[in-house]
Protein backbone atom coordinates (compact mmCIF):
# COMPACT_ATOMS: atom_id res chain seq x y z
CA MET A 1 0.22 -0.03 0.10
CA GLY A 2 1.51 3.53 -0.64
CA LYS A 3 1.40 6.48 1.40
CA HIS A 4 -1.93 7.94 -0.14
CA GLY A 5 -3.56 4.39 0.56
CA LYS A 6 -2.08 4.72 3.85
CA ALA A 7 -3.40 8.22 4.40
CA LEU A 8 -7.05 7.51 2.96
CA LYS A 9 -7.21 4.57 5.11
CA LYS A 10 -6.22 6.80 7.96
CA ARG A 11 -8.72 9.31 7.07
CA ARG A 12 -11.54 6.61 6.91
CA LEU A 13 -10.71 4.97 10.43
CA GLU A 14 -10.79 8.61 11.84
CA GLN A 15 -14.03 9.17 10.45
CA GLN A 16 -14.94 6.55 11.77
CA ALA A 17 -13.89 6.57 15.26
CA ALA A 18 -15.70 10.40 14.71
CA HIS A 19 -19.14 9.18 13.83
CA ALA A 20 -18.88 5.87 16.42
CA THR A 21 -20.98 5.79 19.44
CA LEU A 22 -20.00 3.78 22.51
CA ALA A 23 -22.10 1.45 23.05
CA SER A 24 -23.16 0.33 26.77
CA PRO A 25 -23.03 -3.31 27.57
CA ASP A 26 -26.88 -3.42 28.91
CA SER A 27 -28.48 -1.66 26.09
CA ALA A 28 -31.82 -2.43 25.69
CA ASP A 29 -31.75 -2.58 21.75
CA ASP A 30 -28.47 -4.88 22.04
CA ASP A 31 -29.38 -7.42 19.22
CA HIS A 32 -27.19 -10.06 21.04
CA ALA A 33 -28.71 -9.90 24.35
CA ASN A 34 -31.72 -11.92 23.45
CA VAL A 35 -30.90 -15.07 24.19
CA ASP A 36 -31.37 -17.91 26.80
CA SER A 37 -29.03 -17.40 29.06
CA SER A 38 -29.92 -20.87 30.89
CA ALA A 39 -29.42 -23.03 27.68
CA ARG A 40 -26.83 -26.01 29.48
CA ASP A 41 -26.55 -27.51 25.91
CA PHE A 42 -25.23 -24.14 24.28
CA LEU A 43 -21.59 -24.98 22.79
CA GLY A 44 -21.53 -27.81 25.04
CA GLY A 45 -22.04 -25.86 28.35
CA LEU A 46 -18.56 -24.02 28.18
CA VAL A 47 -19.71 -20.57 27.11
CA SER A 48 -23.10 -19.10 28.15
CA PRO A 49 -24.92 -17.45 25.33
CA ALA A 50 -24.64 -14.42 27.57
CA GLU A 51 -21.24 -14.72 27.86
CA LEU A 52 -21.20 -15.23 23.85
CA ALA A 53 -23.44 -11.79 23.99
CA TYR A 54 -20.95 -9.84 25.57
CA ALA A 55 -18.05 -11.30 23.98
CA VAL A 56 -19.73 -9.94 20.29
CA LYS A 57 -20.46 -6.42 22.03
CA THR A 58 -16.96 -6.40 23.42
CA LEU A 59 -15.38 -6.77 19.51
CA ASP A 60 -18.23 -4.83 17.99
CA THR A 61 -17.51 -1.95 20.21
CA LEU A 62 -13.87 -1.78 19.64
CA VAL A 63 -13.94 -1.93 16.15
CA LYS A 64 -16.32 1.47 16.11
CA HIS A 65 -13.83 2.97 18.10
CA PRO A 66 -10.39 2.51 15.80
CA ASP A 67 -8.77 4.80 17.96
CA LEU A 68 -8.36 2.94 21.01
CA LEU A 69 -7.03 -0.06 19.15
CA ALA A 70 -3.89 2.83 17.84
CA ASP A 71 -3.66 3.95 21.10
CA LYS A 72 -0.14 2.39 22.27
CA HIS A 73 -0.97 3.11 25.99
CA ASN A 74 -3.76 0.22 25.73
CA THR A 75 -1.51 -2.09 23.64
CA PRO A 76 -0.87 -3.95 26.93
CA HIS A 77 -4.52 -4.36 28.01
CA LEU A 78 -5.63 -5.40 24.28
CA ARG A 79 -2.46 -7.96 24.01
CA PRO A 80 -4.61 -11.13 25.57
CA LEU A 81 -7.15 -9.92 23.14
CA ARG A 82 -5.71 -10.33 20.40
CA ARG A 83 -3.94 -13.67 21.07
CA ALA A 84 -7.44 -14.81 21.50
CA VAL A 85 -8.69 -13.50 18.54
CA PHE A 86 -6.02 -14.82 16.60
CA ASP A 87 -6.16 -18.33 17.90
CA PHE A 88 -9.87 -18.08 17.37
CA GLN A 89 -9.10 -17.13 13.50
CA ARG A 90 -6.26 -19.71 13.01
CA THR A 91 -8.02 -22.68 14.70
CA ALA A 92 -11.64 -22.00 12.94
CA ALA A 93 -9.56 -21.62 9.41
CA ASP A 94 -7.77 -25.04 10.34
CA LEU A 95 -10.80 -27.12 11.17
CA ALA A 96 -12.42 -25.46 7.95
CA GLY A 97 -9.45 -26.31 5.86
CA THR A 98 -9.73 -21.99 4.49
CA GLY A 99 -6.19 -21.51 5.36
CA ASN A 100 -4.81 -20.66 2.28
CA SER A 101 -1.01 -19.35 3.61
CA LEU A 102 1.60 -22.15 3.63
CA SER A 103 1.41 -21.65 7.61
CA SER A 104 -1.80 -22.03 7.85
CA ARG A 105 -1.59 -25.41 6.07
CA ILE A 106 1.76 -26.08 8.10
CA SER A 107 -0.58 -25.95 10.99
CA ALA A 108 -3.62 -27.87 10.09
CA ALA A 109 -1.37 -30.76 9.05
CA LEU A 110 0.15 -30.72 12.37
CA THR A 111 -2.75 -30.60 14.69
CA HIS A 112 -4.68 -33.69 12.67
CA HIS A 113 -1.11 -35.15 12.56
CA ARG A 114 -0.73 -35.64 9.01
CA HIS A 115 3.31 -35.56 9.09
CA VAL A 116 4.11 -36.63 5.43
CA ASP A 117 1.77 -33.45 4.62
CA ALA A 118 3.69 -31.15 6.72
CA LEU A 119 7.18 -32.96 5.85
CA VAL A 120 6.43 -31.47 1.91
CA LEU A 121 4.73 -28.22 2.90
CA LEU A 122 7.73 -27.54 4.99
CA ALA A 123 10.33 -28.55 2.14
CA GLU A 124 8.17 -25.63 -0.21
CA LEU A 125 8.10 -23.48 2.46
CA ARG A 126 12.34 -23.59 2.33
CA ILE A 127 12.31 -23.83 -1.32
CA ARG A 128 10.57 -20.22 -1.39
CA ASP A 129 12.73 -18.93 1.31
CA GLN A 130 10.10 -18.37 3.78
CA HIS A 131 10.60 -18.17 7.34
CA PRO A 132 7.90 -18.95 10.09
CA LYS A 133 7.08 -15.96 12.70
CA LEU A 134 8.21 -17.05 16.20
CA GLY A 135 4.50 -17.90 17.25
CA ALA A 136 3.90 -20.54 14.74
CA LEU A 137 7.59 -21.94 15.18
CA GLN A 138 6.24 -22.54 18.71
CA ARG A 139 3.19 -23.91 17.72
CA TRP A 140 4.61 -26.32 15.37
CA VAL A 141 6.94 -27.65 17.96
CA ARG A 142 4.36 -27.72 20.59
CA ASP A 143 1.91 -29.76 18.38
CA CYS A 144 4.87 -32.23 17.48
CA ASP A 145 4.72 -33.23 21.45
CA ALA A 146 8.29 -35.06 20.61
CA ALA A 147 8.60 -36.04 24.54
CA SER A 148 11.85 -37.80 25.38
CA ARG A 149 10.92 -41.30 26.37
CA SER A 150 11.35 -41.99 30.91
CA ASP A 151 14.52 -44.79 30.01
CA GLY A 152 16.11 -41.36 27.73
CA SER A 153 15.44 -42.73 24.02
CA PHE A 154 13.99 -40.21 22.16
CA GLY A 155 10.71 -40.43 20.52
CA ASP A 156 8.74 -40.71 17.46
CA ASP A 157 10.96 -40.61 14.66
CA MET A 158 8.60 -39.10 12.16
CA VAL A 159 7.75 -36.35 14.64
CA LEU A 160 11.68 -35.75 14.96
CA ARG A 161 11.69 -35.79 11.35
CA VAL A 162 9.59 -32.90 11.09
CA LEU A 163 11.23 -30.97 14.24
CA ASP A 164 14.68 -31.24 12.15
CA ALA A 165 12.60 -29.84 8.72
CA VAL A 166 11.25 -27.07 11.15
CA LEU A 167 14.49 -26.08 12.33
CA ARG A 168 16.20 -26.04 8.79
CA CYS A 169 13.49 -23.34 7.52
CA THR A 170 14.24 -21.00 10.75
CA ASN A 171 18.00 -21.05 11.27
CA GLY A 172 19.31 -23.20 8.15
CA GLU A 173 21.44 -25.44 7.25
CA PRO A 174 24.62 -26.13 9.37
CA ARG A 175 27.69 -24.71 7.95
CA PRO A 176 30.43 -26.57 6.71
CA GLY A 177 32.78 -27.76 9.64
CA ASP A 178 29.83 -27.31 12.55
CA ASP A 179 29.73 -31.26 12.47
CA ASP A 180 33.64 -31.75 13.07
CA GLY A 181 34.27 -34.05 15.79
CA LEU A 182 31.31 -35.08 16.66
CA VAL A 183 29.58 -38.58 16.97
CA ARG A 184 28.18 -39.90 13.42
CA GLY A 185 25.60 -42.19 14.39
CA THR A 186 24.25 -44.79 11.60
CA VAL A 187 22.69 -44.31 8.85
CA GLY A 188 18.89 -43.72 9.12
CA GLN A 189 19.32 -42.40 13.05
CA VAL A 190 16.80 -39.55 13.25
CA VAL A 191 18.96 -37.99 16.34
CA VAL A 192 22.51 -38.33 17.62
CA ARG A 193 23.14 -38.09 21.44
CA GLN A 194 26.71 -36.18 21.47
CA HIS A 195 28.40 -36.63 24.51
CA GLU A 196 27.59 -34.75 27.85
CA TRP A 197 29.40 -31.59 28.18
CA ILE A 198 30.12 -31.55 31.57
CA HIS A 199 31.48 -28.71 34.00
CA ARG A 200 32.36 -30.25 36.83
CA LYS A 201 31.61 -33.45 38.93
CA PRO A 202 28.49 -33.07 40.99
CA ALA A 203 29.26 -31.24 44.56
CA ASP A 204 25.81 -31.20 46.21
CA GLU A 205 26.46 -33.85 48.27
CA GLY A 206 23.11 -35.76 47.55
CA ILE A 207 20.64 -33.05 49.11
CA TYR A 208 17.88 -35.26 47.89
CA ARG A 209 18.55 -38.24 50.34
CA ASP A 210 17.77 -35.56 52.89
CA ILE A 211 14.58 -33.86 51.76
CA VAL A 212 13.00 -37.22 50.85
CA ALA A 213 14.08 -38.48 54.77
CA GLY A 214 12.10 -35.35 56.13
CA ARG A 215 15.76 -33.94 57.44
CA PHE A 216 16.08 -31.35 55.34
CA PRO A 217 15.13 -28.68 55.77
CA PRO A 218 14.95 -29.38 59.62
CA PRO A 219 11.55 -29.76 60.71
CA ALA A 220 11.97 -27.27 63.74
CA GLU A 221 12.92 -24.34 60.82
CA ARG A 222 10.14 -24.85 58.52
CA ASP A 223 7.76 -22.61 59.05
CA ALA A 224 10.29 -19.37 59.88
CA LEU A 225 11.39 -20.43 56.39
CA ALA A 226 8.23 -20.29 54.91
CA SER A 227 6.94 -17.08 57.04
CA GLN A 228 9.51 -15.42 54.45
CA PHE A 229 7.46 -16.01 51.73
CA SER A 230 4.07 -14.52 51.62
CA LEU A 231 1.49 -15.51 48.67
CA LEU A 232 1.19 -12.19 46.39
CA HIS A 233 -0.68 -13.30 43.37
CA THR A 234 -3.19 -16.37 42.69
CA VAL A 235 -4.31 -17.89 38.74
CA PRO A 236 -7.35 -20.18 39.34
CA ALA A 237 -6.70 -23.53 37.26
CA ALA A 238 -9.17 -22.83 35.08
CA ASP A 239 -7.67 -19.17 33.89
CA ARG A 240 -4.14 -20.98 33.29
CA LEU A 241 -2.96 -20.97 30.18
CA PRO A 242 -3.53 -23.80 29.41
CA PRO A 243 -6.35 -25.09 31.62
CA ASN A 244 -4.69 -26.74 33.94
CA LEU A 245 -6.32 -29.38 37.26
CA HIS A 246 -4.05 -26.93 39.92
CA PRO A 247 -3.74 -22.87 40.07
CA ALA A 248 -0.71 -20.75 39.92
CA LEU A 249 0.45 -19.51 43.30
CA LEU A 250 2.94 -16.83 43.18
CA PHE A 251 4.96 -16.18 46.77
CA SER A 252 7.21 -12.93 47.11
CA SER A 253 10.00 -13.21 49.32
CA SER A 254 10.64 -10.77 52.41
CA PRO A 255 14.05 -8.58 51.91
CA GLY A 256 16.83 -10.70 53.29
CA ALA A 257 15.30 -13.60 53.45
CA ILE A 258 17.87 -15.57 51.31
CA ARG A 259 20.71 -13.70 51.53
CA LEU A 260 23.80 -13.13 49.59
CA SER A 261 27.29 -11.90 49.88
CA PRO A 262 28.40 -9.32 48.00
CA SER A 263 30.69 -10.87 46.40
CA PRO A 264 30.63 -15.03 45.35
CA PRO A 265 33.00 -17.03 47.03
CA THR A 266 34.23 -18.05 43.70
CA PRO A 267 34.68 -15.68 40.92
CA VAL A 268 31.99 -16.07 38.06
CA GLU A 269 33.19 -17.35 34.44
CA ARG A 270 31.39 -17.52 31.19
CA LEU A 271 31.69 -21.16 29.14
CA ASP A 272 30.88 -21.34 25.71
CA VAL A 273 28.73 -24.30 25.39
CA PRO A 274 30.31 -26.24 22.49
CA HIS A 275 28.63 -26.80 19.27
CA VAL A 276 25.44 -24.76 20.73
CA PRO A 277 25.53 -21.20 18.83
CA GLY A 278 24.49 -18.42 21.77
CA ALA A 279 24.38 -20.65 24.64
CA PHE A 280 27.27 -20.22 27.73
CA LEU A 281 27.78 -21.47 31.44
CA LEU A 282 28.00 -18.52 33.88
CA THR A 283 29.77 -20.73 36.74
CA ASN A 284 29.42 -20.10 40.19
CA VAL A 285 26.60 -17.22 40.20
CA LEU A 286 25.60 -19.18 43.45
CA SER A 287 27.73 -20.96 46.18
CA PRO A 288 26.52 -24.76 47.43
CA ALA A 289 24.90 -22.71 50.65
CA GLU A 290 22.98 -20.71 48.83
CA CYS A 291 21.51 -23.29 46.69
CA ARG A 292 20.67 -25.10 50.02
CA SER A 293 19.19 -21.46 51.50
CA ILE A 294 16.83 -21.82 48.21
CA LEU A 295 15.84 -25.21 48.26
CA ALA A 296 15.19 -25.11 52.15
CA HIS A 297 12.62 -22.06 51.74
CA ALA A 298 11.29 -23.66 48.29
CA GLU A 299 10.97 -27.10 49.98
CA ALA A 300 9.72 -25.35 53.28
CA VAL A 301 6.91 -23.23 51.12
CA GLY A 302 5.94 -26.60 49.11
CA PHE A 303 5.82 -27.34 45.24
CA ARG A 304 2.90 -27.36 43.54
CA PRO A 305 1.68 -30.20 40.58
CA ASP A 306 1.24 -29.16 37.05
CA GLN A 307 -1.29 -31.09 35.42
CA PRO A 308 -3.12 -29.62 31.96
CA VAL A 309 -6.27 -30.30 31.69
CA ASP A 310 -6.11 -31.90 28.29
CA GLY A 311 -2.94 -33.50 28.81
CA ASP A 312 0.16 -34.38 26.55
CA GLN A 313 3.10 -36.75 26.51
CA SER A 314 5.38 -34.20 28.59
CA VAL A 315 5.15 -35.03 32.13
CA LEU A 316 5.42 -31.62 34.12
CA ALA A 317 7.52 -30.90 36.97
CA HIS A 318 6.21 -29.54 40.15
CA ASN A 319 6.66 -25.80 40.78
CA LEU A 320 7.36 -23.08 42.72
CA TYR A 321 6.43 -19.46 41.31
CA TRP A 322 8.85 -16.77 43.50
CA LEU A 323 8.84 -13.09 42.75
CA ALA A 324 12.28 -12.38 43.97
CA ASP A 325 12.74 -9.29 46.49
CA LYS A 326 14.91 -6.25 45.27
CA PRO A 327 18.01 -6.46 47.47
CA PHE A 328 18.51 -10.13 46.64
CA LEU A 329 18.07 -9.72 42.64
CA ASP A 330 20.69 -6.50 43.20
CA THR A 331 23.54 -8.60 44.45
CA PHE A 332 22.80 -10.90 42.59
CA CYS A 333 23.18 -9.70 39.17
CA ALA A 334 26.15 -7.39 40.27
CA ARG A 335 27.98 -11.02 39.71
CA PHE A 336 27.52 -11.95 36.59
CA LEU A 337 25.37 -9.12 34.86
CA HIS A 338 28.58 -8.08 32.66
CA LEU A 339 29.40 -11.48 31.06
CA CYS A 340 25.93 -11.02 29.62
CA PRO A 341 26.08 -9.70 26.07
CA GLN A 342 25.63 -5.81 26.75
CA LEU A 343 23.74 -5.23 23.45
CA ILE A 344 21.27 -7.57 21.42
CA ASP A 345 19.60 -5.67 18.19
CA GLY A 346 20.90 -2.63 19.49
CA LYS A 347 19.06 -2.61 23.04
CA ARG A 348 21.04 -2.23 26.12
CA VAL A 349 20.99 -5.19 29.19
CA ARG A 350 19.01 -4.42 32.14
CA GLY A 351 18.63 -7.52 34.66
CA ILE A 352 17.24 -10.51 35.40
CA ASN A 353 13.54 -10.82 35.64
CA ALA A 354 12.41 -10.86 39.12
CA ARG A 355 9.95 -14.01 38.23
CA PHE A 356 11.61 -17.15 39.20
CA ARG A 357 10.10 -20.26 38.69
CA VAL A 358 11.91 -22.96 40.65
CA TYR A 359 10.82 -26.52 39.42
CA ARG A 360 11.76 -30.08 40.70
CA TYR A 361 12.18 -32.50 38.38
CA VAL A 362 11.79 -36.47 40.04
CA PRO A 363 12.19 -39.57 37.80
CA GLY A 364 9.35 -39.29 34.69
CA ALA A 365 8.95 -35.68 34.90
CA ILE A 366 10.35 -33.96 31.78
CA TYR A 367 9.61 -30.97 29.69
CA ARG A 368 9.29 -31.79 25.84
CA PRO A 369 11.23 -30.26 23.19
CA HIS A 370 10.16 -26.77 22.74
CA ILE A 371 11.55 -22.79 22.34
CA ASP A 372 11.19 -20.42 24.98
CA GLY A 373 8.97 -17.11 24.59
CA ALA A 374 9.80 -13.73 25.16
CA TRP A 375 8.36 -12.12 28.66
CA PRO A 376 8.46 -8.79 30.24
CA ALA A 377 9.69 -7.52 33.67
CA SER A 378 7.58 -8.98 36.46
CA GLY A 379 7.04 -6.90 39.41
CA VAL A 380 5.12 -5.33 42.33
CA ASP A 381 3.01 -2.44 42.20
CA PRO A 382 4.84 0.27 44.41
CA GLU A 383 1.68 1.75 45.62
CA THR A 384 -0.93 -1.32 45.85
CA GLY A 385 1.72 -3.72 46.26
CA GLU A 386 -0.21 -5.79 43.77
CA TYR A 387 1.55 -8.11 41.43
CA LEU A 388 2.51 -6.43 37.87
CA TYR A 389 2.73 -8.99 35.17
CA ASP A 390 4.71 -6.34 33.38
CA SER A 391 6.02 -3.54 35.67
CA SER A 392 9.00 -1.88 33.48
CA PRO A 393 8.06 2.09 32.91
CA HIS A 394 5.44 2.48 29.59
CA ASP A 395 7.81 5.10 28.22
CA LYS A 396 11.12 2.33 28.55
CA PRO A 397 9.55 -1.12 28.30
CA GLN A 398 11.65 -4.17 28.99
CA TRP A 399 11.73 -7.76 27.40
CA SER A 400 13.84 -10.62 27.89
CA ARG A 401 15.79 -12.24 25.31
CA LEU A 402 17.97 -14.92 26.80
CA THR A 403 16.70 -17.95 28.82
CA PHE A 404 18.63 -17.91 32.36
CA LEU A 405 18.56 -21.36 33.91
CA ILE A 406 19.90 -21.96 37.43
CA TYR A 407 21.23 -25.45 38.68
CA LEU A 408 19.85 -25.87 42.32
CA ASN A 409 21.44 -29.44 42.89
CA ASP A 410 23.38 -31.67 40.57
CA SER A 411 23.60 -35.14 42.36
CA PHE A 412 21.42 -37.25 40.04
CA LEU A 413 21.71 -39.74 37.25
CA ASN A 414 20.62 -38.41 33.24
CA GLY A 415 19.05 -35.03 33.96
CA CYS A 416 20.73 -32.86 31.38
CA THR A 417 19.39 -29.75 29.25
CA THR A 418 19.57 -30.99 25.67
CA PHE A 419 19.66 -29.05 22.59
CA PHE A 420 18.22 -30.44 19.57
CA LEU A 421 20.47 -28.71 16.10
CA PRO A 422 20.44 -29.83 12.68
CA SER A 423 23.17 -32.34 11.66
CA SER A 424 24.80 -32.15 7.93
CA ARG A 425 23.04 -35.23 7.29
CA PRO A 426 19.76 -34.60 5.94
CA SER A 427 16.33 -35.52 7.97
CA THR A 428 18.91 -35.56 11.41
CA LEU A 429 18.78 -33.65 14.35
CA ASN A 430 22.49 -33.59 16.76
CA ALA A 431 21.53 -33.82 20.38
CA PHE A 432 23.93 -32.02 22.66
CA PRO A 433 23.16 -32.49 26.49
CA VAL A 434 24.79 -30.35 29.02
CA LYS A 435 24.91 -31.72 32.57
CA PRO A 436 23.87 -29.58 35.32
CA SER A 437 25.99 -28.09 37.70
CA GLN A 438 25.49 -26.93 41.07
CA GLY A 439 25.09 -23.00 41.04
CA CYS A 440 25.84 -22.73 37.73
CA ALA A 441 23.55 -21.01 35.05
CA LEU A 442 22.75 -22.01 31.67
CA VAL A 443 22.02 -19.00 28.86
CA PHE A 444 20.62 -19.13 25.83
CA PRO A 445 18.58 -17.01 23.59
CA HIS A 446 15.03 -17.24 22.92
CA GLY A 447 12.43 -14.54 21.38
CA ASP A 448 12.95 -14.78 17.67
CA SER A 449 11.95 -17.17 15.17
CA ARG A 450 15.99 -17.21 13.97
CA GLY A 451 18.24 -18.02 16.92
CA SER A 452 15.84 -19.19 19.39
CA LEU A 453 17.10 -23.12 20.58
CA LEU A 454 15.23 -26.33 21.29
CA HIS A 455 15.42 -27.28 24.03
CA GLU A 456 14.35 -29.97 26.32
CA GLY A 457 14.61 -31.15 30.51
CA SER A 458 15.75 -34.17 29.82
CA PRO A 459 14.42 -37.52 32.31
CA VAL A 460 15.91 -37.20 35.54
CA GLY A 461 17.20 -40.99 36.80
CA GLU A 462 15.21 -43.17 39.38
CA GLY A 463 16.39 -42.27 42.74
CA GLY A 464 17.22 -38.63 42.14
CA ALA A 465 15.55 -35.15 41.66
CA LYS A 466 16.83 -32.11 39.81
CA TYR A 467 16.25 -28.66 40.99
CA VAL A 468 16.26 -25.66 38.93
CA ILE A 469 15.15 -21.73 38.94
CA ARG A 470 14.12 -20.53 35.24
CA THR A 471 14.19 -16.84 34.81
CA GLU A 472 15.34 -14.46 32.02
CA VAL A 473 17.82 -11.63 31.03
CA LEU A 474 15.89 -8.48 30.25
CA TYR A 475 16.82 -5.75 27.44
CA ASP A 476 15.68 -2.38 26.68
CA ALA A 477 12.71 -3.56 24.48
CA TYR A 478 11.30 -2.36 20.93
CA GLU A 479 9.20 0.42 21.14
CA GLN A 480 6.46 -1.83 19.80
CA VAL A 481 7.25 -5.27 20.03
CA PRO A 482 7.63 -7.14 16.83
CA GLU A 483 5.39 -9.02 15.58
CA GLY A 484 5.97 -12.67 16.12
CA VAL A 485 7.51 -12.24 19.44
CA VAL A 486 5.56 -13.80 22.09
CA GLY A 487 5.20 -13.47 26.07
CA GLY A 488 3.57 -15.12 28.53
CA LYS A 489 1.26 -14.70 31.95
CA GLU A 490 1.95 -16.35 35.06
CA GLY A 491 0.84 -19.92 34.99
CA GLU A 492 1.75 -20.99 31.55
CA LYS A 493 4.56 -23.06 30.24
CA ASP A 494 7.39 -21.13 29.74
CA GLU A 495 7.95 -21.63 26.15
CA GLY A 496 5.07 -18.67 26.39
CA VAL A 497 1.97 -18.15 24.76
CA GLU A 498 1.48 -16.78 21.06
CA VAL A 499 0.58 -13.01 20.92
């Protein structure tokens, strides 16, 4: 569309806004409200006629007032609506078979498990040199649900071939020499497991045995430890995305609850992960004693189960959502922030997201291969004390670009963070396992369709458990979040949810 066409469109929208009349939800002349709200069989009983009428009226009202949609101050409020409308349109098009774009056709094929069709369409996408947006990429990976098996072996070969094709559409083919020195595997092998990358031997002295035996944290100290965390925010189970059988509870820590020394006993170092572009390990971001302190508080407060209503092949870890206090964050960031990329796409690094997710993986608990989405800076309203999903100023927004995964223990079998990248051999993935090391943080890029890394939390061996903290490194945000960048809300899965 040329400048003249854009000017005409802008003028037309302004005229619509000038002549529109804001409708009241309870208007007597509402054409949509004349329905029987007690019809229990309406839309399977999931949505009442009245709820549908209000949804239609809300959309009608916004259409009549495009100035509200154009106002940047309304963007955070409208983001959930945009996401819901997008998902509704995509699902309706998939079911009706009316989606014409390659991306829509690929989504439809994966939704209905037509993996051969998906491979053909992905090949066409590459030939046309088209690249999916991050939201589509995450959906495709999620629809594949290529969860590893409990014995550590990889999932269905056909699904894994689709994942390989998806990655080649986004990040391209491996460069010459990328596979030098790697395990080659056998002909027809879809995933080739490389040697574990191990920074150091386990050092946590088997703390999980003491937890199981009830000795850690000491019973006499549990109430005092738990009292230093207070419930800040609750997301009902039905409101979580996707809907869950359990609510999401967010706790905040009191200043000084978990004390950090001004400087770590051992200096932090940065080590790049071999063969995994953009991934690096920060050593000693927490001392063993500090890891034990976090574990003691977490076990005293208690972990909650995570079980989506619909379910999938993943067996999810138990969680504790924790909004870290400012003294803790300030001291923590000072240890390592200078070792993170200072600029990404011209945007400066600002800190760590206070929204910590502490996870406990037990045998059988895994996270399927997924790609993380970006998240805003969460915090607390300084006036009301309420939880803010996005606490950054409107004129200086912040958005995450790096996943920050802190390992709190390491004395367990298997349980690696495993990255999947295309091999130089067609239809073959290389799997790069990174062995957790207590007190170290694994950092890697997310928030863009190119460069974001496919990874999973691989199964933990019998008799052990893995404790990790997931948060993000924050950067100055774009003036407007680019299309395809995704975020999430409290209670959603960590790969984020499409905008």
